[in-house]
Protein backbone atom coordinates (compact mmCIF):
# COMPACT_ATOMS: atom_id res chain seq x y z
CA UNK A 1 -78.34 -28.55 10.35
CA UNK A 2 -76.83 -29.56 7.02
CA UNK A 3 -78.52 -27.90 4.08
CA UNK A 4 -80.32 -30.26 1.73
CA UNK A 5 -81.28 -29.74 -1.90
CA UNK A 6 -84.89 -29.17 -2.79
CA UNK A 7 -85.91 -30.78 -6.08
CA UNK A 8 -89.14 -30.83 -7.95
CA UNK A 9 -88.54 -33.90 -10.06
CA UNK A 10 -86.45 -37.06 -10.09
CA UNK A 11 -84.76 -35.96 -13.34
CA UNK A 12 -83.14 -33.04 -11.49
CA UNK A 13 -81.50 -35.18 -8.82
CA UNK A 14 -78.37 -36.38 -10.68
CA UNK A 15 -77.18 -32.91 -11.76
CA UNK A 16 -78.01 -30.89 -8.64
CA UNK A 17 -77.01 -33.62 -6.21
CA UNK A 18 -73.87 -34.46 -8.17
CA UNK A 19 -72.67 -30.86 -8.20
CA UNK A 20 -73.17 -30.57 -4.43
CA UNK A 21 -71.34 -33.81 -3.72
CA UNK A 22 -68.40 -32.90 -5.94
CA UNK A 23 -68.03 -29.41 -4.47
CA UNK A 24 -68.26 -30.74 -0.93
CA UNK A 25 -65.78 -33.57 -1.50
CA UNK A 26 -63.29 -31.08 -2.98
CA UNK A 27 -63.72 -28.76 0.02
CA UNK A 28 -62.97 -31.59 2.43
CA UNK A 29 -59.74 -32.30 0.53
CA UNK A 30 -58.66 -28.68 0.02
CA UNK A 31 -59.80 -27.03 3.24
CA UNK A 32 -59.48 -29.86 5.78
CA UNK A 33 -56.79 -31.95 4.07
CA UNK A 34 -58.95 -35.04 4.54
CA UNK A 35 -58.66 -38.06 2.28
CA UNK A 36 -61.98 -38.85 0.62
CA UNK A 37 -63.25 -41.61 -1.65
CA UNK A 38 -66.51 -42.27 -3.51
CA UNK A 39 -68.92 -44.89 -2.27
CA UNK A 40 -72.23 -46.37 -3.34
CA UNK A 41 -75.14 -44.09 -4.19
CA UNK A 42 -78.92 -44.13 -4.23
CA UNK A 43 -80.90 -44.94 -7.33
CA UNK A 44 -84.16 -42.97 -7.57
CA UNK A 45 -86.04 -45.13 -10.05
CA UNK A 46 -88.98 -46.09 -7.85
CA UNK A 47 -90.97 -44.98 -4.84
CA UNK A 48 -88.21 -46.04 -2.44
CA UNK A 49 -84.57 -45.20 -3.18
CA UNK A 50 -82.39 -48.29 -3.56
CA UNK A 51 -78.65 -48.72 -3.20
CA UNK A 52 -76.54 -48.89 -6.34
CA UNK A 53 -75.13 -52.21 -5.08
CA UNK A 54 -78.58 -53.77 -5.72
CA UNK A 55 -78.39 -55.84 -2.51
CA UNK A 56 -81.89 -56.20 -1.09
CA UNK A 57 -80.50 -56.43 2.44
CA UNK A 58 -77.95 -53.60 2.14
CA UNK A 59 -77.09 -52.41 5.66
CA UNK A 60 -76.17 -48.87 4.59
CA UNK A 61 -77.95 -48.06 1.32
CA UNK A 62 -75.99 -45.42 -0.57
CA UNK A 63 -73.24 -45.08 2.05
CA UNK A 64 -70.63 -47.84 1.77
CA UNK A 65 -67.56 -48.66 -0.35
CA UNK A 66 -68.17 -50.17 -3.77
CA UNK A 67 -65.28 -52.63 -3.57
CA UNK A 68 -62.51 -54.07 -1.38
CA UNK A 69 -59.86 -51.66 -2.70
CA UNK A 70 -61.48 -48.54 -1.29
CA UNK A 71 -58.55 -47.66 1.00
CA UNK A 72 -56.25 -47.29 -1.99
CA UNK A 73 -58.68 -44.95 -3.74
CA UNK A 74 -58.88 -42.44 -0.90
CA UNK A 75 -57.08 -39.21 -1.76
CA UNK A 76 -56.62 -35.69 -0.44
CA UNK A 77 -55.82 -34.33 -3.91
CA UNK A 78 -58.52 -32.04 -5.29
CA UNK A 79 -57.57 -33.11 -8.81
CA UNK A 80 -58.00 -36.79 -7.92
CA UNK A 81 -61.28 -36.06 -6.16
CA UNK A 82 -62.66 -34.25 -9.22
CA UNK A 83 -61.62 -37.15 -11.42
CA UNK A 84 -63.31 -39.71 -9.15
CA UNK A 85 -66.61 -37.84 -8.95
CA UNK A 86 -66.60 -37.07 -12.68
CA UNK A 87 -66.90 -40.83 -13.19
CA UNK A 88 -69.82 -41.16 -10.76
CA UNK A 89 -71.31 -37.78 -9.74
CA UNK A 90 -73.87 -39.35 -7.40
CA UNK A 91 -71.32 -41.29 -5.33
CA UNK A 92 -71.52 -40.86 -1.57
CA UNK A 93 -68.66 -39.10 0.23
CA UNK A 94 -66.76 -41.46 2.50
CA UNK A 95 -63.81 -40.56 4.75
CA UNK A 96 -61.24 -43.16 5.86
CA UNK A 97 -60.55 -43.08 9.58
CA UNK A 98 -57.14 -43.63 11.13
CA UNK A 99 -55.45 -41.07 8.88
CA UNK A 100 -56.23 -37.41 9.61
CA UNK A 101 -58.69 -38.36 12.36
CA UNK A 102 -60.56 -41.13 14.13
CA UNK A 103 -64.18 -41.03 15.25
CA UNK A 104 -65.86 -41.79 18.59
CA UNK A 105 -69.27 -43.18 17.64
CA UNK A 106 -72.08 -43.08 20.23
CA UNK A 107 -75.91 -43.14 20.28
CA UNK A 108 -77.46 -39.77 19.48
CA UNK A 109 -79.11 -39.35 22.89
CA UNK A 110 -75.79 -39.99 24.65
CA UNK A 111 -74.00 -37.75 22.16
CA UNK A 112 -76.33 -34.82 22.78
CA UNK A 113 -75.94 -35.22 26.55
CA UNK A 114 -72.15 -35.40 26.24
CA UNK A 115 -72.01 -32.47 23.83
CA UNK A 116 -73.94 -30.23 26.23
CA UNK A 117 -71.64 -31.24 29.08
CA UNK A 118 -68.52 -30.64 26.98
CA UNK A 119 -69.72 -27.15 26.08
CA UNK A 120 -70.36 -26.35 29.76
CA UNK A 121 -66.85 -27.58 30.56
CA UNK A 122 -65.38 -25.39 27.84
CA UNK A 123 -63.72 -28.31 26.07
CA UNK A 124 -62.21 -27.82 22.64
CA UNK A 125 -64.27 -29.83 20.19
CA UNK A 126 -63.70 -30.94 16.64
CA UNK A 127 -66.40 -31.54 14.03
CA UNK A 128 -69.29 -33.82 15.03
CA UNK A 129 -71.64 -35.64 12.67
CA UNK A 130 -75.19 -36.90 13.19
CA UNK A 131 -76.37 -39.87 11.14
CA UNK A 132 -79.90 -40.83 10.05
CA UNK A 133 -79.73 -43.96 12.21
CA UNK A 134 -79.40 -41.74 15.29
CA UNK A 135 -75.68 -41.91 15.95
CA UNK A 136 -73.21 -39.10 16.64
CA UNK A 137 -69.55 -39.24 15.71
CA UNK A 138 -66.95 -37.02 17.40
CA UNK A 139 -63.79 -36.52 15.34
CA UNK A 140 -60.57 -36.82 17.36
CA UNK A 141 -56.85 -37.20 16.72
CA UNK A 142 -55.59 -40.51 15.30
CA UNK A 143 -54.57 -43.12 17.86
CA UNK A 144 -57.85 -43.08 19.77
CA UNK A 145 -58.73 -46.71 19.01
CA UNK A 146 -55.62 -47.86 20.88
CA UNK A 147 -56.32 -45.68 23.92
CA UNK A 148 -60.08 -45.79 24.37
CA UNK A 149 -60.53 -49.24 26.02
CA UNK A 150 -57.95 -48.45 28.72
CA UNK A 151 -59.36 -44.95 29.21
CA UNK A 152 -62.87 -46.33 29.73
CA UNK A 153 -61.64 -48.94 32.19
CA UNK A 154 -59.72 -46.25 34.11
CA UNK A 155 -63.02 -44.40 34.54
CA UNK A 156 -64.58 -47.49 36.11
CA UNK A 157 -66.59 -48.92 33.22
CA UNK A 158 -66.19 -52.06 31.15
CA UNK A 159 -65.72 -51.11 27.47
CA UNK A 160 -68.03 -53.94 26.37
CA UNK A 161 -70.83 -52.51 28.52
CA UNK A 162 -70.91 -49.14 26.74
CA UNK A 163 -72.20 -48.39 23.26
CA UNK A 164 -69.07 -46.39 22.46
CA UNK A 165 -67.25 -47.40 19.28
CA UNK A 166 -63.95 -46.00 18.07
CA UNK A 167 -63.57 -46.01 14.31
CA UNK A 168 -59.88 -46.13 13.44
CA UNK A 169 -57.48 -47.53 10.87
CA UNK A 170 -59.10 -49.63 8.17
CA UNK A 171 -62.57 -48.15 8.75
CA UNK A 172 -64.49 -45.21 7.32
CA UNK A 173 -67.39 -42.87 8.02
CA UNK A 174 -69.96 -41.27 5.75
CA UNK A 175 -69.63 -37.50 5.48
CA UNK A 176 -72.36 -34.89 5.02
CA UNK A 177 -74.37 -34.56 2.84
CA UNK A 178 -74.35 -38.30 2.07
CA UNK A 179 -77.85 -39.77 2.09
CA UNK A 180 -78.46 -43.14 3.70
CA UNK A 181 -81.45 -44.99 2.27
CA UNK A 182 -84.82 -43.36 2.75
CA UNK A 183 -83.97 -42.11 6.24
CA UNK A 184 -82.19 -38.86 5.38
CA UNK A 185 -78.71 -37.40 5.17
CA UNK A 186 -75.67 -37.40 7.39
CA UNK A 187 -75.48 -33.90 8.90
CA UNK A 188 -73.08 -31.81 10.92
CA UNK A 189 -73.97 -31.39 14.59
CA UNK A 190 -70.83 -29.21 14.74
CA UNK A 191 -69.52 -28.11 11.36
CA UNK A 192 -65.85 -28.00 10.37
CA UNK A 193 -64.67 -24.42 10.87
CA UNK A 194 -61.39 -22.55 11.17
CA UNK A 195 -61.71 -22.69 14.96
CA UNK A 196 -61.95 -26.49 15.15
CA UNK A 197 -59.26 -27.34 12.61
CA UNK A 198 -57.09 -28.74 15.44
CA UNK A 199 -58.78 -31.85 16.74
CA UNK A 200 -58.94 -32.87 20.41
CA UNK A 201 -57.33 -36.01 21.76
CA UNK A 202 -59.67 -38.82 22.78
CA UNK A 203 -58.51 -38.37 26.38
CA UNK A 204 -60.11 -34.91 26.47
CA UNK A 205 -63.58 -36.16 25.48
CA UNK A 206 -63.73 -39.68 26.86
CA UNK A 207 -65.05 -38.80 30.33
CA UNK A 208 -68.27 -37.02 29.23
CA UNK A 209 -68.80 -39.51 26.40
CA UNK A 210 -68.35 -42.58 28.62
CA UNK A 211 -70.55 -41.06 31.33
CA UNK A 212 -73.34 -40.33 28.84
CA UNK A 213 -73.11 -43.83 27.35
CA UNK A 214 -73.21 -45.34 30.85
CA UNK A 215 -76.33 -43.32 31.63
CA UNK A 216 -77.97 -44.59 28.46
CA UNK A 217 -77.00 -48.19 29.22
CA UNK A 218 -78.50 -47.89 32.69
CA UNK A 219 -81.71 -46.41 31.28
CA UNK A 220 -81.97 -49.23 28.73
CA UNK A 221 -81.56 -51.86 31.45
CA UNK A 222 -84.31 -50.24 33.51
CA UNK A 223 -86.85 -50.45 30.70
């Protein structure tokens, strides 16, 4: 599970949290060669954290871009990353998809089932995140968004009938340890390591993922 920071007072949050976010964002750029960019952040000025965007109906408090030009801000330069987070140390860490990787996004229950099956099959896996809203994202090589619908149909399922989303070019994901509202932080289900630097192709993971999503869809219909 991703380590979180223990604090004893709200006044400690900006410094401790900001240092962790900066160091982590730099590691993603230096060690994984991922582009990163800063997003919204949580304001801790009341009982319930609120998003810096001040929208009362914010769908992802503290974990979304702050403007339409976010794609142009994303950088894999450690120097650029340090400069961006020096301006807003509490900014969330967001990763554009469709560049170094894409992400297969599934419900957490289906993701856990698929992950266990993949491990039994001895499949090579990349990093996997778990979000506070109970989703799991499997990082795969770019190009997955073009392939996935046809791959799912070839397995006998209709893509629209499965809760399996491919996040590709023009999209982004929140990276650990980004916090989302009052629900918690994005965490690693499988951390980035030297052994999973080379990502799998979507074709290698689609069968267990589609099967698990189909099982969940069937269970939901039976309720």
